[in-house]
Amino acid sequence: MKRSLILGVVSSLALTSAAMAEIRIAHIYGKTGALEAYAKQSHDGLMLGLEYATDGTMEINGEKIVVIEKDTQLKPEIGKALLEEAYGDDNADIAVGPVSSGVALAMLPVAEEYEKILIVEPAVADSITGENYNRYIFRTGRNSSQDAVSNAIALAGPDVKIATLAQDYAFGRDGIAAFREALDGTGAEIVHEEYAATDATDFTAAAERIFNAMKDVEGDKKLFVIWAGGNNPMSKIQAMDPSRFGIQMATGGNILAALSAYKEFPGMEGATYYYYENPKNEVNDWLVKTHQERFGSPPDFFTAGGMSAGIAVVEAIRKAGSTDTEALIAAMEGMEWMTPKGKMMFRAEDHQALQSMYHFRIKVEDGVEWAIPELVRELTIDDLPIPIRNGG
């Protein structure tokens, strides 16, 4: 009788344990602050990716997915503390985020201390998977070099002279450094670099320095802008008529709200991470259709990134057979998976996701609220020689 009772209790506990089994994912991102729009897209995309990869069950290998949200407020010290909280108190199996490169750099050592995976999405700075990399970091988002190499392909050519303007922090400085390197051997040359505060609103002095540096230069002159968040300086500089010095504006892609300002620049070329009409694959078809039905708009730049991260989480755990960190690392190094952008692959040496980028030319159409970054050419993994910067 006692043996039956004990077996019954053990069986009941086992069933309860099985019923309670869950996979805990912490999404740590800047829900409030200057990059709030990016953050919302990233979270919507993450949830859509988890849904898509699990066929709507939100379970992996019979275990329920629980997503824990935490707001960094774009502050590095808060992001660091929240990741410690997620791993230590919330028992998160894996974390995703953040939006800001500065916050990401503060979070990297925490993943190493707790020996748990952090999937960086969408922070861009090269140093995240470069000099500050550790083996617990994987990135689904593109890095500065991917932006730089793709834009170099789009913009470079013999006798091209380029001035740059970027934000004065990791995203901007890493971006320009990578762009300069990517231009090497293309015939193009950077003749002036300008940096502005992330919250700058007056670009008069910066523009005048750029014009003075470029006015006597001979060649095909471009001003290449790298900017994230509000206060994008392009329209303000365009109002100062750079064309009187023979200077054309150039930049990479952006979210739909920002693309409305690109209407001032028909014919402008650059390279972008994502625009919903450019990739042609089943995952993107599902994303576009589902996002339109649920949100009444096409998916945006960071929605695709968040979805790519969500699918990566599911594929990695399935492949590893568990959430054990060492099993996940073994599964994720070299892992290939399908995303709204097509195939991505985690490079074994630095855990950076290799992926396509898109050379565009701006087209303006009546009835479309934003400028359309019309596809000139998809730049595939094979087209983009992305440097390994962590010494691996």
Protein backbone atom coordinates (compact mmCIF):
# COMPACT_ATOMS: atom_id res chain seq x y z
CA MET A 1 0.00 0.00 0.00
CA LYS A 2 2.78 2.42 0.98
CA ARG A 3 4.77 1.44 -2.12
CA SER A 4 1.75 2.22 -4.31
CA LEU A 5 1.26 5.54 -2.55
CA ILE A 6 4.94 6.47 -3.03
CA LEU A 7 4.83 5.48 -6.68
CA GLY A 8 1.68 7.53 -7.09
CA VAL A 9 3.30 10.59 -5.51
CA VAL A 10 6.44 10.17 -7.64
CA SER A 11 4.32 9.76 -10.76
CA SER A 12 2.28 12.82 -9.84
CA LEU A 13 5.43 14.89 -9.26
CA ALA A 14 6.84 13.74 -12.59
CA LEU A 15 3.66 14.75 -14.38
CA THR A 16 3.63 18.10 -12.58
CA SER A 17 7.29 18.66 -13.48
CA ALA A 18 6.60 17.76 -17.11
CA ALA A 19 3.58 20.07 -17.15
CA MET A 20 5.68 22.90 -15.70
CA ALA A 21 8.63 22.40 -18.06
CA GLU A 22 9.22 25.59 -19.99
CA ILE A 23 11.82 27.44 -22.00
CA ARG A 24 12.45 30.91 -20.64
CA ILE A 25 13.60 33.59 -23.06
CA ALA A 26 14.45 37.07 -21.79
CA HIS A 27 13.97 39.88 -24.29
CA ILE A 28 16.02 42.80 -22.98
CA TYR A 29 15.57 45.86 -25.16
CA GLY A 30 15.01 49.62 -25.10
CA LYS A 31 11.23 49.77 -24.90
CA THR A 32 11.39 53.44 -23.94
CA GLY A 33 13.67 56.15 -25.26
CA ALA A 34 14.89 57.43 -28.61
CA LEU A 35 14.91 53.98 -30.25
CA GLU A 36 11.44 52.97 -29.06
CA ALA A 37 10.18 52.39 -32.62
CA TYR A 38 13.08 50.01 -33.30
CA ALA A 39 12.36 48.18 -30.05
CA LYS A 40 8.67 47.60 -30.77
CA GLN A 41 9.47 46.23 -34.21
CA SER A 42 12.14 43.96 -32.73
CA HIS A 43 9.74 42.53 -30.13
CA ASP A 44 6.89 42.06 -32.60
CA GLY A 45 9.31 40.28 -34.90
CA LEU A 46 10.68 38.06 -32.13
CA MET A 47 7.18 36.90 -31.19
CA LEU A 48 6.28 36.29 -34.84
CA GLY A 49 9.49 34.31 -35.30
CA LEU A 50 8.75 32.08 -32.33
CA GLU A 51 5.22 31.58 -33.63
CA TYR A 52 6.35 30.80 -37.16
CA ALA A 53 9.09 28.37 -36.15
CA THR A 54 6.78 26.45 -33.78
CA ASP A 55 3.80 26.36 -36.17
CA GLY A 56 1.82 28.45 -33.70
CA THR A 57 2.25 26.11 -30.71
CA MET A 58 4.80 28.32 -28.91
CA GLU A 59 6.42 25.10 -27.71
CA ILE A 60 9.78 23.49 -28.43
CA ASN A 61 10.11 19.74 -27.92
CA GLY A 62 6.93 19.81 -25.82
CA GLU A 63 8.13 22.62 -23.56
CA LYS A 64 6.22 25.89 -23.40
CA ILE A 65 8.01 29.10 -24.41
CA VAL A 66 7.84 31.92 -21.86
CA VAL A 67 9.10 35.35 -22.97
CA ILE A 68 10.19 37.76 -20.24
CA GLU A 69 10.37 41.44 -21.27
CA LYS A 70 12.77 43.94 -19.71
CA ASP A 71 13.31 47.61 -20.61
CA THR A 72 16.91 48.89 -20.73
CA GLN A 73 15.75 52.50 -21.23
CA LEU A 74 18.83 52.64 -23.52
CA LYS A 75 21.10 52.84 -20.44
CA PRO A 76 24.13 50.50 -20.37
CA GLU A 77 24.13 50.06 -16.59
CA ILE A 78 20.42 49.14 -16.62
CA GLY A 79 20.89 46.67 -19.47
CA LYS A 80 23.73 45.00 -17.58
CA ALA A 81 21.67 44.74 -14.38
CA LEU A 82 18.62 43.40 -16.21
CA LEU A 83 20.62 40.66 -17.91
CA GLU A 84 22.05 39.65 -14.51
CA GLU A 85 18.49 39.58 -13.18
CA ALA A 86 17.26 37.54 -16.13
CA TYR A 87 19.92 34.86 -15.80
CA GLY A 88 20.19 34.88 -12.01
CA ASP A 89 16.65 35.48 -10.72
CA ASP A 90 14.37 34.66 -13.64
CA ASN A 91 16.28 31.53 -14.69
CA ALA A 92 16.25 32.60 -18.33
CA ASP A 93 17.68 29.89 -20.57
CA ILE A 94 18.64 32.35 -23.27
CA ALA A 95 18.45 36.12 -23.79
CA VAL A 96 17.82 38.27 -26.85
CA GLY A 97 18.60 41.98 -27.33
CA PRO A 98 19.34 44.85 -27.02
CA VAL A 99 18.66 47.70 -29.45
CA SER A 100 21.60 49.96 -28.56
CA SER A 101 25.22 49.03 -29.25
CA GLY A 102 26.36 50.84 -26.12
CA VAL A 103 23.96 48.79 -24.00
CA ALA A 104 25.01 45.58 -25.76
CA LEU A 105 28.67 46.17 -24.96
CA ALA A 106 27.80 46.49 -21.26
CA MET A 107 25.81 43.24 -21.39
CA LEU A 108 28.41 41.01 -23.05
CA PRO A 109 30.47 40.22 -19.92
CA VAL A 110 27.31 39.17 -18.07
CA ALA A 111 26.65 36.37 -20.56
CA GLU A 112 30.21 35.17 -20.04
CA GLU A 113 29.92 35.37 -16.24
CA TYR A 114 26.70 33.34 -16.17
CA GLU A 115 27.80 31.08 -19.06
CA LYS A 116 24.51 31.57 -20.91
CA ILE A 117 23.70 32.53 -24.48
CA LEU A 118 22.93 36.12 -25.49
CA ILE A 119 21.63 36.55 -29.04
CA VAL A 120 22.37 40.15 -29.98
CA GLU A 121 19.56 41.67 -32.05
CA PRO A 122 19.64 44.33 -33.45
CA ALA A 123 22.68 46.22 -32.00
CA VAL A 124 25.16 46.80 -34.82
CA ALA A 125 28.65 47.79 -33.60
CA ASP A 126 31.44 45.58 -34.96
CA SER A 127 33.05 45.35 -31.53
CA ILE A 128 30.15 43.22 -30.23
CA THR A 129 31.35 40.25 -32.27
CA GLY A 130 34.83 41.76 -32.57
CA GLU A 131 37.17 42.92 -29.85
CA ASN A 132 34.53 42.58 -27.08
CA TYR A 133 33.25 39.18 -28.23
CA ASN A 134 33.03 36.13 -25.99
CA ARG A 135 31.91 32.60 -26.89
CA TYR A 136 28.42 33.04 -25.37
CA ILE A 137 27.54 35.82 -27.82
CA PHE A 138 25.73 35.15 -31.10
CA ARG A 139 24.35 37.90 -33.32
CA THR A 140 21.48 37.60 -35.78
CA GLY A 141 21.52 41.35 -36.51
CA ARG A 142 23.88 42.71 -39.12
CA ASN A 143 27.14 44.29 -37.98
CA SER A 144 28.79 47.54 -39.02
CA SER A 145 30.98 45.72 -41.53
CA GLN A 146 27.95 44.26 -43.30
CA ASP A 147 26.48 47.75 -43.57
CA ALA A 148 29.84 49.10 -44.69
CA VAL A 149 30.75 46.48 -47.27
CA SER A 150 27.31 46.52 -48.86
CA ASN A 151 27.24 50.32 -49.04
CA ALA A 152 30.78 50.35 -50.42
CA ILE A 153 29.63 48.03 -53.21
CA ALA A 154 26.67 50.33 -53.88
CA LEU A 155 28.54 53.63 -53.78
CA ALA A 156 32.20 53.09 -54.63
CA GLY A 157 33.89 53.58 -57.96
CA PRO A 158 36.86 55.28 -59.58
CA ASP A 159 37.26 58.91 -58.58
CA VAL A 160 34.48 58.80 -55.95
CA LYS A 161 35.21 61.18 -53.07
CA ILE A 162 33.21 60.73 -49.87
CA ALA A 163 32.62 62.76 -46.73
CA THR A 164 30.92 61.00 -43.82
CA LEU A 165 28.65 62.09 -40.98
CA ALA A 166 27.84 59.74 -38.12
CA GLN A 167 26.79 59.66 -34.49
CA ASP A 168 29.58 59.92 -31.97
CA TYR A 169 29.29 56.56 -30.25
CA ALA A 170 30.03 52.89 -30.99
CA PHE A 171 27.43 52.52 -33.77
CA GLY A 172 28.66 55.54 -35.72
CA ARG A 173 32.39 55.21 -35.11
CA ASP A 174 32.48 51.46 -35.81
CA GLY A 175 30.35 52.04 -38.89
CA ILE A 176 32.68 54.64 -40.40
CA ALA A 177 35.80 52.61 -39.55
CA ALA A 178 34.32 49.59 -41.31
CA PHE A 179 33.18 51.72 -44.27
CA ARG A 180 36.66 53.18 -44.70
CA GLU A 181 38.15 49.68 -44.69
CA ALA A 182 35.54 48.40 -47.15
CA LEU A 183 36.40 51.18 -49.62
CA ASP A 184 40.06 50.15 -49.75
CA GLY A 185 40.98 49.19 -53.29
CA THR A 186 37.69 50.36 -54.82
CA GLY A 187 39.01 53.66 -56.21
CA ALA A 188 36.84 55.61 -53.76
CA GLU A 189 38.30 57.73 -50.96
CA ILE A 190 37.01 59.25 -47.71
CA VAL A 191 38.25 62.84 -47.59
CA HIS A 192 36.49 64.04 -44.42
CA GLU A 193 34.86 62.49 -41.32
CA GLU A 194 32.38 64.33 -39.15
CA TYR A 195 30.77 63.11 -35.90
CA ALA A 196 27.83 64.60 -34.01
CA ALA A 197 26.19 63.92 -30.67
CA THR A 198 23.44 61.30 -30.76
CA ASP A 199 20.88 63.92 -29.69
CA ALA A 200 22.16 66.69 -31.98
CA THR A 201 19.51 68.79 -33.72
CA ASP A 202 21.59 71.59 -35.28
CA PHE A 203 23.92 70.41 -38.05
CA THR A 204 24.87 73.80 -39.48
CA ALA A 205 28.45 73.81 -38.24
CA ALA A 206 29.02 70.18 -39.18
CA ALA A 207 27.63 70.75 -42.68
CA GLU A 208 29.82 73.82 -43.18
CA ARG A 209 32.93 71.86 -42.22
CA ILE A 210 31.94 69.15 -44.69
CA PHE A 211 31.29 71.68 -47.47
CA ASN A 212 34.62 73.42 -46.84
CA ALA A 213 36.45 70.09 -46.97
CA MET A 214 34.71 69.04 -50.18
CA LYS A 215 34.27 72.21 -52.21
CA ASP A 216 37.67 72.11 -53.94
CA VAL A 217 37.83 68.33 -54.30
CA GLU A 218 37.62 66.95 -57.83
CA GLY A 219 35.55 63.86 -58.59
CA ASP A 220 32.15 62.29 -57.93
CA LYS A 221 31.38 63.75 -54.49
CA LYS A 222 29.05 62.09 -51.95
CA LEU A 223 28.11 62.72 -48.32
CA PHE A 224 27.45 59.36 -46.66
CA VAL A 225 25.36 59.54 -43.48
CA ILE A 226 25.12 56.87 -40.77
CA TRP A 227 22.37 57.73 -38.29
CA ALA A 228 20.00 55.88 -35.94
CA GLY A 229 16.84 57.17 -34.28
CA GLY A 230 15.35 60.65 -34.54
CA ASN A 231 16.92 63.93 -35.67
CA ASN A 232 18.29 62.42 -38.87
CA PRO A 233 20.35 65.26 -40.36
CA MET A 234 19.83 64.48 -44.05
CA SER A 235 16.89 66.82 -44.69
CA LYS A 236 18.51 69.67 -42.77
CA ILE A 237 21.73 69.34 -44.72
CA GLN A 238 19.83 69.01 -48.00
CA ALA A 239 18.12 72.34 -47.17
CA MET A 240 21.60 73.89 -47.15
CA ASP A 241 21.95 72.88 -50.83
CA PRO A 242 25.04 70.63 -50.93
CA SER A 243 24.54 70.37 -54.69
CA ARG A 244 26.12 73.84 -55.07
CA PHE A 245 29.37 72.09 -54.17
CA GLY A 246 28.55 69.12 -56.38
CA ILE A 247 27.79 66.91 -53.37
CA GLN A 248 25.15 64.16 -53.51
CA MET A 249 23.58 62.66 -50.38
CA ALA A 250 23.96 58.94 -49.70
CA THR A 251 22.95 56.65 -46.86
CA GLY A 252 21.88 53.12 -45.97
CA GLY A 253 18.36 51.85 -45.45
CA ASN A 254 16.00 52.69 -42.61
CA ILE A 255 12.58 52.08 -41.11
CA LEU A 256 9.47 53.09 -43.07
CA ALA A 257 8.85 56.20 -40.96
CA ALA A 258 12.35 57.46 -41.75
CA LEU A 259 12.03 56.53 -45.41
CA SER A 260 9.39 59.24 -45.81
CA ALA A 261 12.25 61.78 -45.60
CA TYR A 262 14.05 59.96 -48.42
CA LYS A 263 11.43 61.30 -50.84
CA GLU A 264 13.71 64.32 -51.15
CA PHE A 265 16.37 62.10 -52.72
CA PRO A 266 14.97 60.28 -55.77
CA GLY A 267 17.67 58.21 -57.43
CA MET A 268 19.84 58.09 -54.29
CA GLU A 269 21.63 54.75 -53.92
CA GLY A 270 22.81 52.76 -50.95
CA ALA A 271 22.42 49.37 -49.32
CA THR A 272 19.87 48.23 -46.78
CA TYR A 273 19.36 45.41 -44.32
CA TYR A 274 15.70 44.85 -45.27
CA TYR A 275 12.75 46.27 -47.15
CA TYR A 276 9.68 44.07 -47.21
CA GLU A 277 9.33 43.94 -51.02
CA ASN A 278 12.92 42.91 -51.71
CA PRO A 279 13.42 39.33 -50.37
CA LYS A 280 11.62 36.57 -52.27
CA ASN A 281 11.08 33.53 -50.04
CA GLU A 282 8.34 31.70 -48.13
CA VAL A 283 9.33 33.06 -44.71
CA ASN A 284 9.09 36.66 -45.89
CA ASP A 285 5.81 35.95 -47.67
CA TRP A 286 4.38 34.69 -44.35
CA LEU A 287 5.76 37.69 -42.47
CA VAL A 288 4.37 40.26 -44.91
CA LYS A 289 0.92 38.63 -45.01
CA THR A 290 0.67 38.06 -41.26
CA HIS A 291 1.99 41.49 -40.29
CA GLN A 292 -0.43 43.21 -42.65
CA GLU A 293 -3.36 41.24 -41.21
CA ARG A 294 -2.44 41.88 -37.56
CA PHE A 295 -0.95 45.35 -37.59
CA GLY A 296 -2.42 46.90 -40.74
CA SER A 297 1.01 47.70 -42.19
CA PRO A 298 3.95 45.96 -43.85
CA PRO A 299 6.72 44.56 -41.64
CA ASP A 300 9.60 46.92 -41.07
CA PHE A 301 13.38 46.89 -40.84
CA PHE A 302 13.68 45.55 -37.30
CA THR A 303 10.62 43.32 -37.48
CA ALA A 304 12.53 41.10 -39.90
CA GLY A 305 15.51 41.08 -37.54
CA GLY A 306 13.43 40.13 -34.53
CA MET A 307 11.80 37.33 -36.50
CA SER A 308 15.21 36.03 -37.58
CA ALA A 309 16.26 35.89 -33.92
CA GLY A 310 13.08 34.10 -32.89
CA ILE A 311 13.51 31.44 -35.55
CA ALA A 312 17.17 31.05 -34.58
CA VAL A 313 16.22 30.38 -30.94
CA VAL A 314 13.80 27.63 -31.91
CA GLU A 315 16.13 26.03 -34.45
CA ALA A 316 19.07 26.09 -32.03
CA ILE A 317 17.18 24.48 -29.15
CA ARG A 318 15.75 21.81 -31.44
CA LYS A 319 19.15 21.06 -32.87
CA ALA A 320 20.80 21.00 -29.43
CA GLY A 321 18.01 18.91 -27.94
CA SER A 322 18.05 21.07 -24.80
CA THR A 323 18.82 24.52 -23.44
CA ASP A 324 22.21 23.40 -22.09
CA THR A 325 24.66 26.16 -22.98
CA GLU A 326 27.45 23.93 -24.31
CA ALA A 327 24.98 21.96 -26.40
CA LEU A 328 23.57 25.22 -27.78
CA ILE A 329 27.00 26.56 -28.69
CA ALA A 330 27.85 23.33 -30.51
CA ALA A 331 24.52 23.46 -32.34
CA MET A 332 24.73 27.15 -33.26
CA GLU A 333 28.29 27.36 -34.57
CA GLY A 334 27.89 27.02 -38.33
CA MET A 335 24.10 26.69 -38.03
CA GLU A 336 22.10 27.70 -41.11
CA TRP A 337 18.43 28.66 -40.94
CA MET A 338 15.83 30.40 -43.08
CA THR A 339 14.66 33.92 -42.24
CA PRO A 340 12.63 36.68 -43.94
CA LYS A 341 15.93 37.63 -45.61
CA GLY A 342 16.58 34.09 -46.82
CA LYS A 343 19.44 31.99 -45.46
CA MET A 344 21.47 33.13 -42.49
CA MET A 345 24.48 31.32 -41.05
CA PHE A 346 26.27 31.77 -37.73
CA ARG A 347 29.97 31.96 -38.58
CA ALA A 348 31.81 29.59 -36.24
CA GLU A 349 34.76 31.94 -35.68
CA ASP A 350 32.84 34.92 -34.26
CA HIS A 351 29.17 33.86 -34.13
CA GLN A 352 28.16 36.67 -36.49
CA ALA A 353 25.19 35.82 -38.70
CA LEU A 354 26.21 36.06 -42.34
CA GLN A 355 23.29 37.23 -44.47
CA SER A 356 22.15 39.04 -47.60
CA MET A 357 22.00 42.82 -47.93
CA TYR A 358 20.20 44.81 -50.63
CA HIS A 359 21.61 47.46 -53.00
CA PHE A 360 18.77 49.94 -53.60
CA ARG A 361 17.90 53.01 -55.62
CA ILE A 362 15.29 55.38 -54.19
CA LYS A 363 12.05 55.59 -56.14
CA VAL A 364 9.17 57.94 -55.33
CA GLU A 365 5.62 56.84 -56.14
CA ASP A 366 2.33 58.71 -55.74
CA GLY A 367 0.19 57.22 -53.01
CA VAL A 368 3.11 55.65 -51.11
CA GLU A 369 3.89 57.42 -47.84
CA TRP A 370 7.59 56.60 -47.93
CA ALA A 371 10.32 56.50 -50.55
CA ILE A 372 10.79 53.02 -51.98
CA PRO A 373 14.30 51.51 -51.78
CA GLU A 374 13.84 49.68 -55.08
CA LEU A 375 16.06 46.63 -55.42
CA VAL A 376 19.05 46.99 -57.71
CA ARG A 377 20.76 43.78 -56.62
CA GLU A 378 20.66 41.32 -53.74
CA LEU A 379 24.13 41.08 -52.21
CA THR A 380 24.38 37.50 -50.97
CA ILE A 381 26.64 35.98 -48.33
CA ASP A 382 29.10 35.12 -51.10
CA ASP A 383 29.16 38.73 -52.33
CA LEU A 384 30.06 40.20 -48.94
CA PRO A 385 33.59 39.56 -47.63
CA ILE A 386 32.95 40.38 -43.97
CA PRO A 387 36.13 40.59 -41.86
CA ILE A 388 36.57 38.52 -38.70
CA ARG A 389 37.49 41.04 -36.01
CA ASN A 390 37.80 38.97 -32.85
CA GLY A 391 41.10 37.35 -33.77
CA GLY A 392 39.32 34.04 -34.47
